[in-house]
Amino acid sequence: FDLLEKFDTINFQVIFTTGFDQYA
């Protein structure tokens, strides 16, 4: 998420990968 906040515009598709974090 910190990485995404570096971009003014996100012009690519994102597929998140994660361990179990229900909040996220």
PDBML (XML) file of the C-alpha atoms, coordinates in Angstrom:
<?xml version="1.0" encoding="UTF-8" ?>
<PDBx:datablock datablockName="MODEL"
   xmlns:PDBx="http://pdbml.pdb.org/schema/pdbx-v50.xsd"
   xmlns:xsi="http://www.w3.org/2001/XMLSchema-instance"
   xsi:schemaLocation="http://pdbml.pdb.org/schema/pdbx-v50.xsd pdbx-v50.xsd">
   <PDBx:atom_siteCategory>
      <PDBx:atom_site id="1">
         <PDBx:B_iso_or_equiv>0.00</PDBx:B_iso_or_equiv>
         <PDBx:Cartn_x>0.000</PDBx:Cartn_x>
         <PDBx:Cartn_y>0.000</PDBx:Cartn_y>
         <PDBx:Cartn_z>0.000</PDBx:Cartn_z>
         <PDBx:auth_asym_id>A</PDBx:auth_asym_id>
         <PDBx:auth_atom_id>CA</PDBx:auth_atom_id>
         <PDBx:auth_comp_id>PHE</PDBx:auth_comp_id>
         <PDBx:auth_seq_id>1</PDBx:auth_seq_id>
         <PDBx:group_PDB>ATOM</PDBx:group_PDB>
         <PDBx:label_alt_id xsi:nil="true" />
         <PDBx:label_asym_id>A</PDBx:label_asym_id>
         <PDBx:label_atom_id>CA</PDBx:label_atom_id>
         <PDBx:label_comp_id>PHE</PDBx:label_comp_id>
         <PDBx:label_entity_id>1</PDBx:label_entity_id>
         <PDBx:label_seq_id>1</PDBx:label_seq_id>
         <PDBx:occupancy>1.00</PDBx:occupancy>
         <PDBx:pdbx_PDB_model_num>1</PDBx:pdbx_PDB_model_num>
         <PDBx:type_symbol>C</PDBx:type_symbol>
      </PDBx:atom_site>
      <PDBx:atom_site id="2">
         <PDBx:B_iso_or_equiv>0.00</PDBx:B_iso_or_equiv>
         <PDBx:Cartn_x>2.932</PDBx:Cartn_x>
         <PDBx:Cartn_y>2.327</PDBx:Cartn_y>
         <PDBx:Cartn_z>0.704</PDBx:Cartn_z>
         <PDBx:auth_asym_id>A</PDBx:auth_asym_id>
         <PDBx:auth_atom_id>CA</PDBx:auth_atom_id>
         <PDBx:auth_comp_id>ASP</PDBx:auth_comp_id>
         <PDBx:auth_seq_id>2</PDBx:auth_seq_id>
         <PDBx:group_PDB>ATOM</PDBx:group_PDB>
         <PDBx:label_alt_id xsi:nil="true" />
         <PDBx:label_asym_id>A</PDBx:label_asym_id>
         <PDBx:label_atom_id>CA</PDBx:label_atom_id>
         <PDBx:label_comp_id>ASP</PDBx:label_comp_id>
         <PDBx:label_entity_id>1</PDBx:label_entity_id>
         <PDBx:label_seq_id>2</PDBx:label_seq_id>
         <PDBx:occupancy>1.00</PDBx:occupancy>
         <PDBx:pdbx_PDB_model_num>1</PDBx:pdbx_PDB_model_num>
         <PDBx:type_symbol>C</PDBx:type_symbol>
      </PDBx:atom_site>
      <PDBx:atom_site id="3">
         <PDBx:B_iso_or_equiv>0.00</PDBx:B_iso_or_equiv>
         <PDBx:Cartn_x>4.144</PDBx:Cartn_x>
         <PDBx:Cartn_y>1.617</PDBx:Cartn_y>
         <PDBx:Cartn_z>-2.817</PDBx:Cartn_z>
         <PDBx:auth_asym_id>A</PDBx:auth_asym_id>
         <PDBx:auth_atom_id>CA</PDBx:auth_atom_id>
         <PDBx:auth_comp_id>LEU</PDBx:auth_comp_id>
         <PDBx:auth_seq_id>3</PDBx:auth_seq_id>
         <PDBx:group_PDB>ATOM</PDBx:group_PDB>
         <PDBx:label_alt_id xsi:nil="true" />
         <PDBx:label_asym_id>A</PDBx:label_asym_id>
         <PDBx:label_atom_id>CA</PDBx:label_atom_id>
         <PDBx:label_comp_id>LEU</PDBx:label_comp_id>
         <PDBx:label_entity_id>1</PDBx:label_entity_id>
         <PDBx:label_seq_id>3</PDBx:label_seq_id>
         <PDBx:occupancy>1.00</PDBx:occupancy>
         <PDBx:pdbx_PDB_model_num>1</PDBx:pdbx_PDB_model_num>
         <PDBx:type_symbol>C</PDBx:type_symbol>
      </PDBx:atom_site>
      <PDBx:atom_site id="4">
         <PDBx:B_iso_or_equiv>0.00</PDBx:B_iso_or_equiv>
         <PDBx:Cartn_x>0.790</PDBx:Cartn_x>
         <PDBx:Cartn_y>2.548</PDBx:Cartn_y>
         <PDBx:Cartn_z>-4.356</PDBx:Cartn_z>
         <PDBx:auth_asym_id>A</PDBx:auth_asym_id>
         <PDBx:auth_atom_id>CA</PDBx:auth_atom_id>
         <PDBx:auth_comp_id>LEU</PDBx:auth_comp_id>
         <PDBx:auth_seq_id>4</PDBx:auth_seq_id>
         <PDBx:group_PDB>ATOM</PDBx:group_PDB>
         <PDBx:label_alt_id xsi:nil="true" />
         <PDBx:label_asym_id>A</PDBx:label_asym_id>
         <PDBx:label_atom_id>CA</PDBx:label_atom_id>
         <PDBx:label_comp_id>LEU</PDBx:label_comp_id>
         <PDBx:label_entity_id>1</PDBx:label_entity_id>
         <PDBx:label_seq_id>4</PDBx:label_seq_id>
         <PDBx:occupancy>1.00</PDBx:occupancy>
         <PDBx:pdbx_PDB_model_num>1</PDBx:pdbx_PDB_model_num>
         <PDBx:type_symbol>C</PDBx:type_symbol>
      </PDBx:atom_site>
      <PDBx:atom_site id="5">
         <PDBx:B_iso_or_equiv>0.00</PDBx:B_iso_or_equiv>
         <PDBx:Cartn_x>0.767</PDBx:Cartn_x>
         <PDBx:Cartn_y>5.854</PDBx:Cartn_y>
         <PDBx:Cartn_z>-2.485</PDBx:Cartn_z>
         <PDBx:auth_asym_id>A</PDBx:auth_asym_id>
         <PDBx:auth_atom_id>CA</PDBx:auth_atom_id>
         <PDBx:auth_comp_id>GLU</PDBx:auth_comp_id>
         <PDBx:auth_seq_id>5</PDBx:auth_seq_id>
         <PDBx:group_PDB>ATOM</PDBx:group_PDB>
         <PDBx:label_alt_id xsi:nil="true" />
         <PDBx:label_asym_id>A</PDBx:label_asym_id>
         <PDBx:label_atom_id>CA</PDBx:label_atom_id>
         <PDBx:label_comp_id>GLU</PDBx:label_comp_id>
         <PDBx:label_entity_id>1</PDBx:label_entity_id>
         <PDBx:label_seq_id>5</PDBx:label_seq_id>
         <PDBx:occupancy>1.00</PDBx:occupancy>
         <PDBx:pdbx_PDB_model_num>1</PDBx:pdbx_PDB_model_num>
         <PDBx:type_symbol>C</PDBx:type_symbol>
      </PDBx:atom_site>
      <PDBx:atom_site id="6">
         <PDBx:B_iso_or_equiv>0.00</PDBx:B_iso_or_equiv>
         <PDBx:Cartn_x>3.942</PDBx:Cartn_x>
         <PDBx:Cartn_y>6.850</PDBx:Cartn_y>
         <PDBx:Cartn_z>-4.353</PDBx:Cartn_z>
         <PDBx:auth_asym_id>A</PDBx:auth_asym_id>
         <PDBx:auth_atom_id>CA</PDBx:auth_atom_id>
         <PDBx:auth_comp_id>LYS</PDBx:auth_comp_id>
         <PDBx:auth_seq_id>6</PDBx:auth_seq_id>
         <PDBx:group_PDB>ATOM</PDBx:group_PDB>
         <PDBx:label_alt_id xsi:nil="true" />
         <PDBx:label_asym_id>A</PDBx:label_asym_id>
         <PDBx:label_atom_id>CA</PDBx:label_atom_id>
         <PDBx:label_comp_id>LYS</PDBx:label_comp_id>
         <PDBx:label_entity_id>1</PDBx:label_entity_id>
         <PDBx:label_seq_id>6</PDBx:label_seq_id>
         <PDBx:occupancy>1.00</PDBx:occupancy>
         <PDBx:pdbx_PDB_model_num>1</PDBx:pdbx_PDB_model_num>
         <PDBx:type_symbol>C</PDBx:type_symbol>
      </PDBx:atom_site>
      <PDBx:atom_site id="7">
         <PDBx:B_iso_or_equiv>0.00</PDBx:B_iso_or_equiv>
         <PDBx:Cartn_x>1.986</PDBx:Cartn_x>
         <PDBx:Cartn_y>7.057</PDBx:Cartn_y>
         <PDBx:Cartn_z>-7.623</PDBx:Cartn_z>
         <PDBx:auth_asym_id>A</PDBx:auth_asym_id>
         <PDBx:auth_atom_id>CA</PDBx:auth_atom_id>
         <PDBx:auth_comp_id>PHE</PDBx:auth_comp_id>
         <PDBx:auth_seq_id>7</PDBx:auth_seq_id>
         <PDBx:group_PDB>ATOM</PDBx:group_PDB>
         <PDBx:label_alt_id xsi:nil="true" />
         <PDBx:label_asym_id>A</PDBx:label_asym_id>
         <PDBx:label_atom_id>CA</PDBx:label_atom_id>
         <PDBx:label_comp_id>PHE</PDBx:label_comp_id>
         <PDBx:label_entity_id>1</PDBx:label_entity_id>
         <PDBx:label_seq_id>7</PDBx:label_seq_id>
         <PDBx:occupancy>1.00</PDBx:occupancy>
         <PDBx:pdbx_PDB_model_num>1</PDBx:pdbx_PDB_model_num>
         <PDBx:type_symbol>C</PDBx:type_symbol>
      </PDBx:atom_site>
      <PDBx:atom_site id="8">
         <PDBx:B_iso_or_equiv>0.00</PDBx:B_iso_or_equiv>
         <PDBx:Cartn_x>-0.107</PDBx:Cartn_x>
         <PDBx:Cartn_y>10.095</PDBx:Cartn_y>
         <PDBx:Cartn_z>-8.564</PDBx:Cartn_z>
         <PDBx:auth_asym_id>A</PDBx:auth_asym_id>
         <PDBx:auth_atom_id>CA</PDBx:auth_atom_id>
         <PDBx:auth_comp_id>ASP</PDBx:auth_comp_id>
         <PDBx:auth_seq_id>8</PDBx:auth_seq_id>
         <PDBx:group_PDB>ATOM</PDBx:group_PDB>
         <PDBx:label_alt_id xsi:nil="true" />
         <PDBx:label_asym_id>A</PDBx:label_asym_id>
         <PDBx:label_atom_id>CA</PDBx:label_atom_id>
         <PDBx:label_comp_id>ASP</PDBx:label_comp_id>
         <PDBx:label_entity_id>1</PDBx:label_entity_id>
         <PDBx:label_seq_id>8</PDBx:label_seq_id>
         <PDBx:occupancy>1.00</PDBx:occupancy>
         <PDBx:pdbx_PDB_model_num>1</PDBx:pdbx_PDB_model_num>
         <PDBx:type_symbol>C</PDBx:type_symbol>
      </PDBx:atom_site>
      <PDBx:atom_site id="9">
         <PDBx:B_iso_or_equiv>0.00</PDBx:B_iso_or_equiv>
         <PDBx:Cartn_x>-1.878</PDBx:Cartn_x>
         <PDBx:Cartn_y>7.948</PDBx:Cartn_y>
         <PDBx:Cartn_z>-11.150</PDBx:Cartn_z>
         <PDBx:auth_asym_id>A</PDBx:auth_asym_id>
         <PDBx:auth_atom_id>CA</PDBx:auth_atom_id>
         <PDBx:auth_comp_id>THR</PDBx:auth_comp_id>
         <PDBx:auth_seq_id>9</PDBx:auth_seq_id>
         <PDBx:group_PDB>ATOM</PDBx:group_PDB>
         <PDBx:label_alt_id xsi:nil="true" />
         <PDBx:label_asym_id>A</PDBx:label_asym_id>
         <PDBx:label_atom_id>CA</PDBx:label_atom_id>
         <PDBx:label_comp_id>THR</PDBx:label_comp_id>
         <PDBx:label_entity_id>1</PDBx:label_entity_id>
         <PDBx:label_seq_id>9</PDBx:label_seq_id>
         <PDBx:occupancy>1.00</PDBx:occupancy>
         <PDBx:pdbx_PDB_model_num>1</PDBx:pdbx_PDB_model_num>
         <PDBx:type_symbol>C</PDBx:type_symbol>
      </PDBx:atom_site>
      <PDBx:atom_site id="10">
         <PDBx:B_iso_or_equiv>0.00</PDBx:B_iso_or_equiv>
         <PDBx:Cartn_x>-2.085</PDBx:Cartn_x>
         <PDBx:Cartn_y>4.160</PDBx:Cartn_y>
         <PDBx:Cartn_z>-11.153</PDBx:Cartn_z>
         <PDBx:auth_asym_id>A</PDBx:auth_asym_id>
         <PDBx:auth_atom_id>CA</PDBx:auth_atom_id>
         <PDBx:auth_comp_id>ILE</PDBx:auth_comp_id>
         <PDBx:auth_seq_id>10</PDBx:auth_seq_id>
         <PDBx:group_PDB>ATOM</PDBx:group_PDB>
         <PDBx:label_alt_id xsi:nil="true" />
         <PDBx:label_asym_id>A</PDBx:label_asym_id>
         <PDBx:label_atom_id>CA</PDBx:label_atom_id>
         <PDBx:label_comp_id>ILE</PDBx:label_comp_id>
         <PDBx:label_entity_id>1</PDBx:label_entity_id>
         <PDBx:label_seq_id>10</PDBx:label_seq_id>
         <PDBx:occupancy>1.00</PDBx:occupancy>
         <PDBx:pdbx_PDB_model_num>1</PDBx:pdbx_PDB_model_num>
         <PDBx:type_symbol>C</PDBx:type_symbol>
      </PDBx:atom_site>
      <PDBx:atom_site id="11">
         <PDBx:B_iso_or_equiv>0.00</PDBx:B_iso_or_equiv>
         <PDBx:Cartn_x>-2.399</PDBx:Cartn_x>
         <PDBx:Cartn_y>3.062</PDBx:Cartn_y>
         <PDBx:Cartn_z>-14.772</PDBx:Cartn_z>
         <PDBx:auth_asym_id>A</PDBx:auth_asym_id>
         <PDBx:auth_atom_id>CA</PDBx:auth_atom_id>
         <PDBx:auth_comp_id>ASN</PDBx:auth_comp_id>
         <PDBx:auth_seq_id>11</PDBx:auth_seq_id>
         <PDBx:group_PDB>ATOM</PDBx:group_PDB>
         <PDBx:label_alt_id xsi:nil="true" />
         <PDBx:label_asym_id>A</PDBx:label_asym_id>
         <PDBx:label_atom_id>CA</PDBx:label_atom_id>
         <PDBx:label_comp_id>ASN</PDBx:label_comp_id>
         <PDBx:label_entity_id>1</PDBx:label_entity_id>
         <PDBx:label_seq_id>11</PDBx:label_seq_id>
         <PDBx:occupancy>1.00</PDBx:occupancy>
         <PDBx:pdbx_PDB_model_num>1</PDBx:pdbx_PDB_model_num>
         <PDBx:type_symbol>C</PDBx:type_symbol>
      </PDBx:atom_site>
      <PDBx:atom_site id="12">
         <PDBx:B_iso_or_equiv>0.00</PDBx:B_iso_or_equiv>
         <PDBx:Cartn_x>-1.761</PDBx:Cartn_x>
         <PDBx:Cartn_y>-0.651</PDBx:Cartn_y>
         <PDBx:Cartn_z>-14.279</PDBx:Cartn_z>
         <PDBx:auth_asym_id>A</PDBx:auth_asym_id>
         <PDBx:auth_atom_id>CA</PDBx:auth_atom_id>
         <PDBx:auth_comp_id>PHE</PDBx:auth_comp_id>
         <PDBx:auth_seq_id>12</PDBx:auth_seq_id>
         <PDBx:group_PDB>ATOM</PDBx:group_PDB>
         <PDBx:label_alt_id xsi:nil="true" />
         <PDBx:label_asym_id>A</PDBx:label_asym_id>
         <PDBx:label_atom_id>CA</PDBx:label_atom_id>
         <PDBx:label_comp_id>PHE</PDBx:label_comp_id>
         <PDBx:label_entity_id>1</PDBx:label_entity_id>
         <PDBx:label_seq_id>12</PDBx:label_seq_id>
         <PDBx:occupancy>1.00</PDBx:occupancy>
         <PDBx:pdbx_PDB_model_num>1</PDBx:pdbx_PDB_model_num>
         <PDBx:type_symbol>C</PDBx:type_symbol>
      </PDBx:atom_site>
      <PDBx:atom_site id="13">
         <PDBx:B_iso_or_equiv>0.00</PDBx:B_iso_or_equiv>
         <PDBx:Cartn_x>-3.820</PDBx:Cartn_x>
         <PDBx:Cartn_y>-3.519</PDBx:Cartn_y>
         <PDBx:Cartn_z>-12.893</PDBx:Cartn_z>
         <PDBx:auth_asym_id>A</PDBx:auth_asym_id>
         <PDBx:auth_atom_id>CA</PDBx:auth_atom_id>
         <PDBx:auth_comp_id>GLN</PDBx:auth_comp_id>
         <PDBx:auth_seq_id>13</PDBx:auth_seq_id>
         <PDBx:group_PDB>ATOM</PDBx:group_PDB>
         <PDBx:label_alt_id xsi:nil="true" />
         <PDBx:label_asym_id>A</PDBx:label_asym_id>
         <PDBx:label_atom_id>CA</PDBx:label_atom_id>
         <PDBx:label_comp_id>GLN</PDBx:label_comp_id>
         <PDBx:label_entity_id>1</PDBx:label_entity_id>
         <PDBx:label_seq_id>13</PDBx:label_seq_id>
         <PDBx:occupancy>1.00</PDBx:occupancy>
         <PDBx:pdbx_PDB_model_num>1</PDBx:pdbx_PDB_model_num>
         <PDBx:type_symbol>C</PDBx:type_symbol>
      </PDBx:atom_site>
      <PDBx:atom_site id="14">
         <PDBx:B_iso_or_equiv>0.00</PDBx:B_iso_or_equiv>
         <PDBx:Cartn_x>-2.941</PDBx:Cartn_x>
         <PDBx:Cartn_y>-4.677</PDBx:Cartn_y>
         <PDBx:Cartn_z>-9.380</PDBx:Cartn_z>
         <PDBx:auth_asym_id>A</PDBx:auth_asym_id>
         <PDBx:auth_atom_id>CA</PDBx:auth_atom_id>
         <PDBx:auth_comp_id>VAL</PDBx:auth_comp_id>
         <PDBx:auth_seq_id>14</PDBx:auth_seq_id>
         <PDBx:group_PDB>ATOM</PDBx:group_PDB>
         <PDBx:label_alt_id xsi:nil="true" />
         <PDBx:label_asym_id>A</PDBx:label_asym_id>
         <PDBx:label_atom_id>CA</PDBx:label_atom_id>
         <PDBx:label_comp_id>VAL</PDBx:label_comp_id>
         <PDBx:label_entity_id>1</PDBx:label_entity_id>
         <PDBx:label_seq_id>14</PDBx:label_seq_id>
         <PDBx:occupancy>1.00</PDBx:occupancy>
         <PDBx:pdbx_PDB_model_num>1</PDBx:pdbx_PDB_model_num>
         <PDBx:type_symbol>C</PDBx:type_symbol>
      </PDBx:atom_site>
      <PDBx:atom_site id="15">
         <PDBx:B_iso_or_equiv>0.00</PDBx:B_iso_or_equiv>
         <PDBx:Cartn_x>-3.396</PDBx:Cartn_x>
         <PDBx:Cartn_y>-8.201</PDBx:Cartn_y>
         <PDBx:Cartn_z>-8.035</PDBx:Cartn_z>
         <PDBx:auth_asym_id>A</PDBx:auth_asym_id>
         <PDBx:auth_atom_id>CA</PDBx:auth_atom_id>
         <PDBx:auth_comp_id>ILE</PDBx:auth_comp_id>
         <PDBx:auth_seq_id>15</PDBx:auth_seq_id>
         <PDBx:group_PDB>ATOM</PDBx:group_PDB>
         <PDBx:label_alt_id xsi:nil="true" />
         <PDBx:label_asym_id>A</PDBx:label_asym_id>
         <PDBx:label_atom_id>CA</PDBx:label_atom_id>
         <PDBx:label_comp_id>ILE</PDBx:label_comp_id>
         <PDBx:label_entity_id>1</PDBx:label_entity_id>
         <PDBx:label_seq_id>15</PDBx:label_seq_id>
         <PDBx:occupancy>1.00</PDBx:occupancy>
         <PDBx:pdbx_PDB_model_num>1</PDBx:pdbx_PDB_model_num>
         <PDBx:type_symbol>C</PDBx:type_symbol>
      </PDBx:atom_site>
      <PDBx:atom_site id="16">
         <PDBx:B_iso_or_equiv>0.00</PDBx:B_iso_or_equiv>
         <PDBx:Cartn_x>-2.544</PDBx:Cartn_x>
         <PDBx:Cartn_y>-8.228</PDBx:Cartn_y>
         <PDBx:Cartn_z>-4.337</PDBx:Cartn_z>
         <PDBx:auth_asym_id>A</PDBx:auth_asym_id>
         <PDBx:auth_atom_id>CA</PDBx:auth_atom_id>
         <PDBx:auth_comp_id>PHE</PDBx:auth_comp_id>
         <PDBx:auth_seq_id>16</PDBx:auth_seq_id>
         <PDBx:group_PDB>ATOM</PDBx:group_PDB>
         <PDBx:label_alt_id xsi:nil="true" />
         <PDBx:label_asym_id>A</PDBx:label_asym_id>
         <PDBx:label_atom_id>CA</PDBx:label_atom_id>
         <PDBx:label_comp_id>PHE</PDBx:label_comp_id>
         <PDBx:label_entity_id>1</PDBx:label_entity_id>
         <PDBx:label_seq_id>16</PDBx:label_seq_id>
         <PDBx:occupancy>1.00</PDBx:occupancy>
         <PDBx:pdbx_PDB_model_num>1</PDBx:pdbx_PDB_model_num>
         <PDBx:type_symbol>C</PDBx:type_symbol>
      </PDBx:atom_site>
      <PDBx:atom_site id="17">
         <PDBx:B_iso_or_equiv>0.00</PDBx:B_iso_or_equiv>
         <PDBx:Cartn_x>-0.906</PDBx:Cartn_x>
         <PDBx:Cartn_y>-11.272</PDBx:Cartn_y>
         <PDBx:Cartn_z>-2.769</PDBx:Cartn_z>
         <PDBx:auth_asym_id>A</PDBx:auth_asym_id>
         <PDBx:auth_atom_id>CA</PDBx:auth_atom_id>
         <PDBx:auth_comp_id>THR</PDBx:auth_comp_id>
         <PDBx:auth_seq_id>17</PDBx:auth_seq_id>
         <PDBx:group_PDB>ATOM</PDBx:group_PDB>
         <PDBx:label_alt_id xsi:nil="true" />
         <PDBx:label_asym_id>A</PDBx:label_asym_id>
         <PDBx:label_atom_id>CA</PDBx:label_atom_id>
         <PDBx:label_comp_id>THR</PDBx:label_comp_id>
         <PDBx:label_entity_id>1</PDBx:label_entity_id>
         <PDBx:label_seq_id>17</PDBx:label_seq_id>
         <PDBx:occupancy>1.00</PDBx:occupancy>
         <PDBx:pdbx_PDB_model_num>1</PDBx:pdbx_PDB_model_num>
         <PDBx:type_symbol>C</PDBx:type_symbol>
      </PDBx:atom_site>
      <PDBx:atom_site id="18">
         <PDBx:B_iso_or_equiv>0.00</PDBx:B_iso_or_equiv>
         <PDBx:Cartn_x>-1.194</PDBx:Cartn_x>
         <PDBx:Cartn_y>-11.719</PDBx:Cartn_y>
         <PDBx:Cartn_z>0.963</PDBx:Cartn_z>
         <PDBx:auth_asym_id>A</PDBx:auth_asym_id>
         <PDBx:auth_atom_id>CA</PDBx:auth_atom_id>
         <PDBx:auth_comp_id>THR</PDBx:auth_comp_id>
         <PDBx:auth_seq_id>18</PDBx:auth_seq_id>
         <PDBx:group_PDB>ATOM</PDBx:group_PDB>
         <PDBx:label_alt_id xsi:nil="true" />
         <PDBx:label_asym_id>A</PDBx:label_asym_id>
         <PDBx:label_atom_id>CA</PDBx:label_atom_id>
         <PDBx:label_comp_id>THR</PDBx:label_comp_id>
         <PDBx:label_entity_id>1</PDBx:label_entity_id>
         <PDBx:label_seq_id>18</PDBx:label_seq_id>
         <PDBx:occupancy>1.00</PDBx:occupancy>
         <PDBx:pdbx_PDB_model_num>1</PDBx:pdbx_PDB_model_num>
         <PDBx:type_symbol>C</PDBx:type_symbol>
      </PDBx:atom_site>
      <PDBx:atom_site id="19">
         <PDBx:B_iso_or_equiv>0.00</PDBx:B_iso_or_equiv>
         <PDBx:Cartn_x>-1.170</PDBx:Cartn_x>
         <PDBx:Cartn_y>-14.028</PDBx:Cartn_y>
         <PDBx:Cartn_z>3.927</PDBx:Cartn_z>
         <PDBx:auth_asym_id>A</PDBx:auth_asym_id>
         <PDBx:auth_atom_id>CA</PDBx:auth_atom_id>
         <PDBx:auth_comp_id>GLY</PDBx:auth_comp_id>
         <PDBx:auth_seq_id>19</PDBx:auth_seq_id>
         <PDBx:group_PDB>ATOM</PDBx:group_PDB>
         <PDBx:label_alt_id xsi:nil="true" />
         <PDBx:label_asym_id>A</PDBx:label_asym_id>
         <PDBx:label_atom_id>CA</PDBx:label_atom_id>
         <PDBx:label_comp_id>GLY</PDBx:label_comp_id>
         <PDBx:label_entity_id>1</PDBx:label_entity_id>
         <PDBx:label_seq_id>19</PDBx:label_seq_id>
         <PDBx:occupancy>1.00</PDBx:occupancy>
         <PDBx:pdbx_PDB_model_num>1</PDBx:pdbx_PDB_model_num>
         <PDBx:type_symbol>C</PDBx:type_symbol>
      </PDBx:atom_site>
      <PDBx:atom_site id="20">
         <PDBx:B_iso_or_equiv>0.00</PDBx:B_iso_or_equiv>
         <PDBx:Cartn_x>-4.333</PDBx:Cartn_x>
         <PDBx:Cartn_y>-13.984</PDBx:Cartn_y>
         <PDBx:Cartn_z>6.032</PDBx:Cartn_z>
         <PDBx:auth_asym_id>A</PDBx:auth_asym_id>
         <PDBx:auth_atom_id>CA</PDBx:auth_atom_id>
         <PDBx:auth_comp_id>PHE</PDBx:auth_comp_id>
         <PDBx:auth_seq_id>20</PDBx:auth_seq_id>
         <PDBx:group_PDB>ATOM</PDBx:group_PDB>
         <PDBx:label_alt_id xsi:nil="true" />
         <PDBx:label_asym_id>A</PDBx:label_asym_id>
         <PDBx:label_atom_id>CA</PDBx:label_atom_id>
         <PDBx:label_comp_id>PHE</PDBx:label_comp_id>
         <PDBx:label_entity_id>1</PDBx:label_entity_id>
         <PDBx:label_seq_id>20</PDBx:label_seq_id>
         <PDBx:occupancy>1.00</PDBx:occupancy>
         <PDBx:pdbx_PDB_model_num>1</PDBx:pdbx_PDB_model_num>
         <PDBx:type_symbol>C</PDBx:type_symbol>
      </PDBx:atom_site>
      <PDBx:atom_site id="21">
         <PDBx:B_iso_or_equiv>0.00</PDBx:B_iso_or_equiv>
         <PDBx:Cartn_x>-5.011</PDBx:Cartn_x>
         <PDBx:Cartn_y>-10.433</PDBx:Cartn_y>
         <PDBx:Cartn_z>7.170</PDBx:Cartn_z>
         <PDBx:auth_asym_id>A</PDBx:auth_asym_id>
         <PDBx:auth_atom_id>CA</PDBx:auth_atom_id>
         <PDBx:auth_comp_id>ASP</PDBx:auth_comp_id>
         <PDBx:auth_seq_id>21</PDBx:auth_seq_id>
         <PDBx:group_PDB>ATOM</PDBx:group_PDB>
         <PDBx:label_alt_id xsi:nil="true" />
         <PDBx:label_asym_id>A</PDBx:label_asym_id>
         <PDBx:label_atom_id>CA</PDBx:label_atom_id>
         <PDBx:label_comp_id>ASP</PDBx:label_comp_id>
         <PDBx:label_entity_id>1</PDBx:label_entity_id>
         <PDBx:label_seq_id>21</PDBx:label_seq_id>
         <PDBx:occupancy>1.00</PDBx:occupancy>
         <PDBx:pdbx_PDB_model_num>1</PDBx:pdbx_PDB_model_num>
         <PDBx:type_symbol>C</PDBx:type_symbol>
      </PDBx:atom_site>
      <PDBx:atom_site id="22">
         <PDBx:B_iso_or_equiv>0.00</PDBx:B_iso_or_equiv>
         <PDBx:Cartn_x>-8.766</PDBx:Cartn_x>
         <PDBx:Cartn_y>-10.017</PDBx:Cartn_y>
         <PDBx:Cartn_z>7.461</PDBx:Cartn_z>
         <PDBx:auth_asym_id>A</PDBx:auth_asym_id>
         <PDBx:auth_atom_id>CA</PDBx:auth_atom_id>
         <PDBx:auth_comp_id>GLN</PDBx:auth_comp_id>
         <PDBx:auth_seq_id>22</PDBx:auth_seq_id>
         <PDBx:group_PDB>ATOM</PDBx:group_PDB>
         <PDBx:label_alt_id xsi:nil="true" />
         <PDBx:label_asym_id>A</PDBx:label_asym_id>
         <PDBx:label_atom_id>CA</PDBx:label_atom_id>
         <PDBx:label_comp_id>GLN</PDBx:label_comp_id>
         <PDBx:label_entity_id>1</PDBx:label_entity_id>
         <PDBx:label_seq_id>22</PDBx:label_seq_id>
         <PDBx:occupancy>1.00</PDBx:occupancy>
         <PDBx:pdbx_PDB_model_num>1</PDBx:pdbx_PDB_model_num>
         <PDBx:type_symbol>C</PDBx:type_symbol>
      </PDBx:atom_site>
      <PDBx:atom_site id="23">
         <PDBx:B_iso_or_equiv>0.00</PDBx:B_iso_or_equiv>
         <PDBx:Cartn_x>-8.531</PDBx:Cartn_x>
         <PDBx:Cartn_y>-6.261</PDBx:Cartn_y>
         <PDBx:Cartn_z>7.913</PDBx:Cartn_z>
         <PDBx:auth_asym_id>A</PDBx:auth_asym_id>
         <PDBx:auth_atom_id>CA</PDBx:auth_atom_id>
         <PDBx:auth_comp_id>TYR</PDBx:auth_comp_id>
         <PDBx:auth_seq_id>23</PDBx:auth_seq_id>
         <PDBx:group_PDB>ATOM</PDBx:group_PDB>
         <PDBx:label_alt_id xsi:nil="true" />
         <PDBx:label_asym_id>A</PDBx:label_asym_id>
         <PDBx:label_atom_id>CA</PDBx:label_atom_id>
         <PDBx:label_comp_id>TYR</PDBx:label_comp_id>
         <PDBx:label_entity_id>1</PDBx:label_entity_id>
         <PDBx:label_seq_id>23</PDBx:label_seq_id>
         <PDBx:occupancy>1.00</PDBx:occupancy>
         <PDBx:pdbx_PDB_model_num>1</PDBx:pdbx_PDB_model_num>
         <PDBx:type_symbol>C</PDBx:type_symbol>
      </PDBx:atom_site>
      <PDBx:atom_site id="24">
         <PDBx:B_iso_or_equiv>0.00</PDBx:B_iso_or_equiv>
         <PDBx:Cartn_x>-6.600</PDBx:Cartn_x>
         <PDBx:Cartn_y>-5.766</PDBx:Cartn_y>
         <PDBx:Cartn_z>4.673</PDBx:Cartn_z>
         <PDBx:auth_asym_id>A</PDBx:auth_asym_id>
         <PDBx:auth_atom_id>CA</PDBx:auth_atom_id>
         <PDBx:auth_comp_id>ALA</PDBx:auth_comp_id>
         <PDBx:auth_seq_id>24</PDBx:auth_seq_id>
         <PDBx:group_PDB>ATOM</PDBx:group_PDB>
         <PDBx:label_alt_id xsi:nil="true" />
         <PDBx:label_asym_id>A</PDBx:label_asym_id>
         <PDBx:label_atom_id>CA</PDBx:label_atom_id>
         <PDBx:label_comp_id>ALA</PDBx:label_comp_id>
         <PDBx:label_entity_id>1</PDBx:label_entity_id>
         <PDBx:label_seq_id>24</PDBx:label_seq_id>
         <PDBx:occupancy>1.00</PDBx:occupancy>
         <PDBx:pdbx_PDB_model_num>1</PDBx:pdbx_PDB_model_num>
         <PDBx:type_symbol>C</PDBx:type_symbol>
      </PDBx:atom_site>
   </PDBx:atom_siteCategory>
</PDBx:datablock>
